[in-house]
Amino acid sequence: MKANLKYWSIATVLGISLFDFMGTSKAEAAEVKASSPIETKVLSQEEIEAKKEEIASQIKIFDENNKEIHPYTTEQLKGMIRLTEEQSEDNPIKILKKSYSSGYFDFSNYIWLGGGPGIYGKAYKDPSTLLITYKGTAKAFSVAAHYEGKKGPAGQAQKVSIPGGWKGQFHLNWNLKKGKSYRIKFTSSGGKLITIKQATLWYN
């Protein structure tokens, strides 16, 4: 593959053993690694900061009444973003809590963490951090935490709307009431197919 690839990528700081279709993606990854040479876009520190601010300005957060709220400053949102150009081999997140990691999955409507379409997934107590790794270029979608009800998910506790047009990871720090269990829902914006390589949730 000699075509130049431009990566406007991010990993945002802000988990669905669903479908494990890793065979194809692993083959693709192996092919890419074997290809030489691949030129990537190198960003200066100023360009990195500008891109982070651009993405942060498009992130929207909603409360349990679906009213937009602003629990984070722009600088805090920028701090949740780690561009691919900044990524190292080691995961920098060090959290002494339980974690749940999915395999590859995609959706064009909605899907629940730990479940599939029409299945409400699993409930997680005190979720703190969600790390989403995209496959390919991200498209706009939202991820919401719903209170755990008697027979599955109840009302929305918090929702985060994430813009598309980038590659990498999104790291979300939840701002939720403590001592409660929640179910996590991914929803596509506009019915577009969203492809996730892996989602990892840290919880208590």
Protein backbone atom coordinates (compact mmCIF):
# COMPACT_ATOMS: atom_id res chain seq x y z
CA MET A 1 0.00 0.00 0.00
CA LYS A 2 1.88 3.00 -1.26
CA ALA A 3 -0.94 5.50 -0.94
CA ASN A 4 -0.32 8.26 1.51
CA LEU A 5 -2.55 8.07 4.55
CA LYS A 6 -3.40 11.26 6.42
CA TYR A 7 -4.40 10.63 10.00
CA TRP A 8 -6.43 13.26 11.79
CA SER A 9 -6.62 11.09 14.83
CA ILE A 10 -7.67 11.46 18.42
CA ALA A 11 -7.87 9.65 21.62
CA THR A 12 -10.30 11.34 23.91
CA VAL A 13 -10.16 11.15 27.66
CA LEU A 14 -13.73 11.56 28.70
CA GLY A 15 -16.61 -1.93 27.87
CA ILE A 16 -19.54 -5.18 25.27
CA SER A 17 -18.39 -8.59 24.74
CA LEU A 18 -20.61 -8.41 21.74
CA PHE A 19 -19.41 -9.68 18.44
CA ASP A 20 -15.80 -10.77 18.09
CA PHE A 21 -15.14 -10.26 14.42
CA MET A 22 -11.44 -9.76 14.92
CA GLY A 23 -10.32 -12.16 12.18
CA THR A 24 -10.78 -9.66 9.36
CA SER A 25 -9.48 -6.67 11.28
CA LYS A 26 -6.36 -8.59 12.39
CA ALA A 27 -5.66 -9.59 8.80
CA GLU A 28 -6.01 -5.99 7.72
CA ALA A 29 -3.71 -4.87 10.52
CA ALA A 30 -1.11 -7.44 9.52
CA GLU A 31 -1.27 -6.24 5.93
CA VAL A 32 -0.77 -2.63 6.97
CA LYS A 33 2.19 -3.48 9.18
CA ALA A 34 3.79 -5.41 6.36
CA SER A 35 3.38 -2.53 3.94
CA SER A 36 6.31 -0.20 3.46
CA PRO A 37 6.67 2.69 3.37
CA ILE A 38 3.64 4.40 4.95
CA GLU A 39 3.82 8.12 5.38
CA THR A 40 1.89 9.66 8.24
CA LYS A 41 1.03 13.24 8.95
CA VAL A 42 3.35 14.64 11.60
CA LEU A 43 1.76 17.40 13.64
CA SER A 44 3.58 20.13 15.48
CA GLN A 45 2.67 20.79 19.11
CA GLU A 46 0.73 23.87 18.01
CA GLU A 47 -1.25 21.82 15.46
CA ILE A 48 -1.97 19.15 18.09
CA GLU A 49 -3.32 21.74 20.52
CA ALA A 50 -5.41 23.36 17.78
CA LYS A 51 -6.92 20.00 16.74
CA LYS A 52 -7.71 19.12 20.34
CA GLU A 53 -9.50 22.42 20.82
CA GLU A 54 -11.47 21.88 17.59
CA ILE A 55 -12.67 18.45 18.72
CA ALA A 56 -13.35 19.58 22.30
CA SER A 57 -15.58 22.38 21.01
CA GLN A 58 -17.83 19.80 19.30
CA ILE A 59 -18.30 17.51 22.31
CA LYS A 60 -21.73 17.93 23.91
CA ILE A 61 -22.81 16.54 27.27
CA PHE A 62 -26.42 16.07 28.44
CA ASP A 63 -27.95 15.36 31.85
CA GLU A 64 -30.78 13.03 32.89
CA ASN A 65 -33.33 15.48 31.48
CA ASN A 66 -31.44 15.59 28.16
CA LYS A 67 -30.49 19.18 28.88
CA GLU A 68 -27.04 20.21 27.70
CA ILE A 69 -24.66 20.76 30.59
CA HIS A 70 -21.06 21.92 30.86
CA PRO A 71 -19.37 19.93 33.67
CA TYR A 72 -15.94 20.30 32.06
CA THR A 73 -13.92 23.30 30.95
CA THR A 74 -12.40 23.40 27.48
CA GLU A 75 -9.00 22.68 29.00
CA GLN A 76 -10.39 19.62 30.81
CA LEU A 77 -11.92 18.31 27.59
CA LYS A 78 -8.65 18.88 25.75
CA GLY A 79 -6.96 16.92 28.51
CA MET A 80 -9.23 13.98 27.65
CA ILE A 81 -7.89 13.89 24.09
CA ARG A 82 -4.81 11.96 23.07
CA LEU A 83 -4.04 12.10 19.36
CA THR A 84 -2.55 9.10 17.59
CA GLU A 85 0.64 11.08 17.07
CA GLU A 86 0.96 11.27 20.86
CA GLN A 87 0.16 7.62 21.60
CA SER A 88 2.77 5.27 23.02
CA GLU A 89 2.76 1.49 23.05
CA ASP A 90 1.74 1.38 26.70
CA ASN A 91 -1.74 2.34 27.81
CA PRO A 92 -1.26 5.35 30.11
CA ILE A 93 -4.43 4.67 32.08
CA LYS A 94 -3.61 3.21 35.48
CA ILE A 95 -6.79 2.64 37.46
CA LEU A 96 -7.05 0.14 40.30
CA LYS A 97 -10.63 -0.88 39.55
CA LYS A 98 -12.46 -3.65 37.75
CA SER A 99 -12.51 -3.40 33.99
CA TYR A 100 -14.53 -4.88 31.15
CA SER A 101 -13.26 -5.01 27.56
CA SER A 102 -15.24 -5.84 24.44
CA GLY A 103 -14.04 -7.18 21.14
CA TYR A 104 -14.72 -5.70 17.71
CA PHE A 105 -18.32 -4.60 17.11
CA ASP A 106 -20.32 -2.26 14.91
CA PHE A 107 -23.81 -0.76 14.92
CA SER A 108 -25.95 1.56 12.81
CA ASN A 109 -28.73 2.11 15.34
CA TYR A 110 -27.77 1.41 18.95
CA ILE A 111 -26.07 -1.21 21.04
CA TRP A 112 -25.57 -1.81 24.78
CA LEU A 113 -22.29 -2.52 26.52
CA GLY A 114 -22.09 -6.26 27.22
CA GLY A 115 -25.00 -7.06 24.92
CA GLY A 116 -26.27 -6.60 21.37
CA PRO A 117 -29.14 -4.98 19.46
CA GLY A 118 -32.32 -5.45 21.49
CA ILE A 119 -30.33 -6.72 24.48
CA TYR A 120 -29.75 -4.39 27.39
CA GLY A 121 -26.19 -5.49 28.11
CA LYS A 122 -24.82 -5.56 31.64
CA ALA A 123 -25.06 -3.19 34.60
CA TYR A 124 -21.84 -1.72 36.02
CA LYS A 125 -21.56 -0.12 39.45
CA ASP A 126 -19.88 3.27 39.63
CA PRO A 127 -18.45 3.37 36.10
CA SER A 128 -15.59 5.86 36.04
CA THR A 129 -13.78 5.69 32.71
CA LEU A 130 -14.68 4.45 29.24
CA LEU A 131 -11.94 4.04 26.62
CA ILE A 132 -13.24 3.62 23.05
CA THR A 133 -10.86 2.57 20.28
CA TYR A 134 -12.15 3.15 16.76
CA LYS A 135 -11.49 1.13 13.63
CA GLY A 136 -11.00 3.48 10.73
CA THR A 137 -12.36 7.01 10.71
CA ALA A 138 -14.89 7.73 13.44
CA LYS A 139 -18.41 8.88 12.61
CA ALA A 140 -20.59 10.94 14.95
CA PHE A 141 -22.33 8.99 17.71
CA SER A 142 -23.32 9.30 21.35
CA VAL A 143 -22.68 7.18 24.41
CA ALA A 144 -25.06 7.34 27.38
CA ALA A 145 -25.18 5.97 30.91
CA HIS A 146 -28.65 4.82 32.01
CA TYR A 147 -29.71 4.15 35.57
CA GLU A 148 -30.23 0.47 36.37
CA GLY A 149 -33.94 -0.27 36.78
CA LYS A 150 -35.83 -3.29 38.08
CA LYS A 151 -35.99 -4.97 34.66
CA GLY A 152 -33.14 -3.35 32.77
CA PRO A 153 -32.10 0.20 31.95
CA ALA A 154 -34.19 3.08 33.26
CA GLY A 155 -33.81 6.79 32.55
CA GLN A 156 -30.75 8.49 31.14
CA ALA A 157 -28.19 9.68 33.68
CA GLN A 158 -25.71 11.30 31.31
CA LYS A 159 -25.08 11.38 27.57
CA VAL A 160 -22.02 12.49 25.64
CA SER A 161 -22.23 13.39 21.94
CA ILE A 162 -18.93 12.70 20.14
CA PRO A 163 -18.04 14.20 16.74
CA GLY A 164 -16.72 12.19 13.80
CA GLY A 165 -13.87 12.77 11.40
CA TRP A 166 -10.91 11.40 13.34
CA LYS A 167 -9.03 8.18 14.08
CA GLY A 168 -7.83 6.83 17.40
CA GLN A 169 -9.29 6.60 20.89
CA PHE A 170 -11.82 8.46 22.98
CA HIS A 171 -11.32 8.40 26.75
CA LEU A 172 -14.40 9.50 28.68
CA ASN A 173 -14.40 10.22 32.39
CA TRP A 174 -17.99 9.81 33.59
CA ASN A 175 -19.52 12.36 35.92
CA LEU A 176 -22.19 10.19 37.59
CA LYS A 177 -23.83 9.77 40.99
CA LYS A 178 -21.85 7.38 43.19
CA GLY A 179 -23.19 4.14 44.66
CA LYS A 180 -25.42 3.33 41.67
CA SER A 181 -25.28 0.86 38.78
CA TYR A 182 -25.57 1.94 35.16
CA ARG A 183 -25.93 0.44 31.69
CA ILE A 184 -24.00 1.97 28.81
CA LYS A 185 -25.67 2.61 25.45
CA PHE A 186 -23.98 3.51 22.14
CA THR A 187 -26.19 5.25 19.55
CA SER A 188 -25.30 6.14 15.97
CA SER A 189 -26.03 9.66 14.79
CA GLY A 190 -28.04 9.62 11.57
CA GLY A 191 -28.02 5.84 11.19
CA LYS A 192 -24.41 5.69 10.00
CA LEU A 193 -22.45 2.49 10.60
CA ILE A 194 -20.12 2.93 13.56
CA THR A 195 -17.20 0.52 13.88
CA ILE A 196 -15.47 0.03 17.24
CA LYS A 197 -12.29 -2.01 17.59
CA GLN A 198 -12.56 -2.21 21.38
CA ALA A 199 -14.31 -0.55 24.30
CA THR A 200 -12.97 -0.83 27.85
CA LEU A 201 -14.93 0.30 30.90
CA TRP A 202 -13.46 0.78 34.36
CA TYR A 203 -15.95 0.45 37.21
CA ASN A 204 -16.04 -0.29 40.94
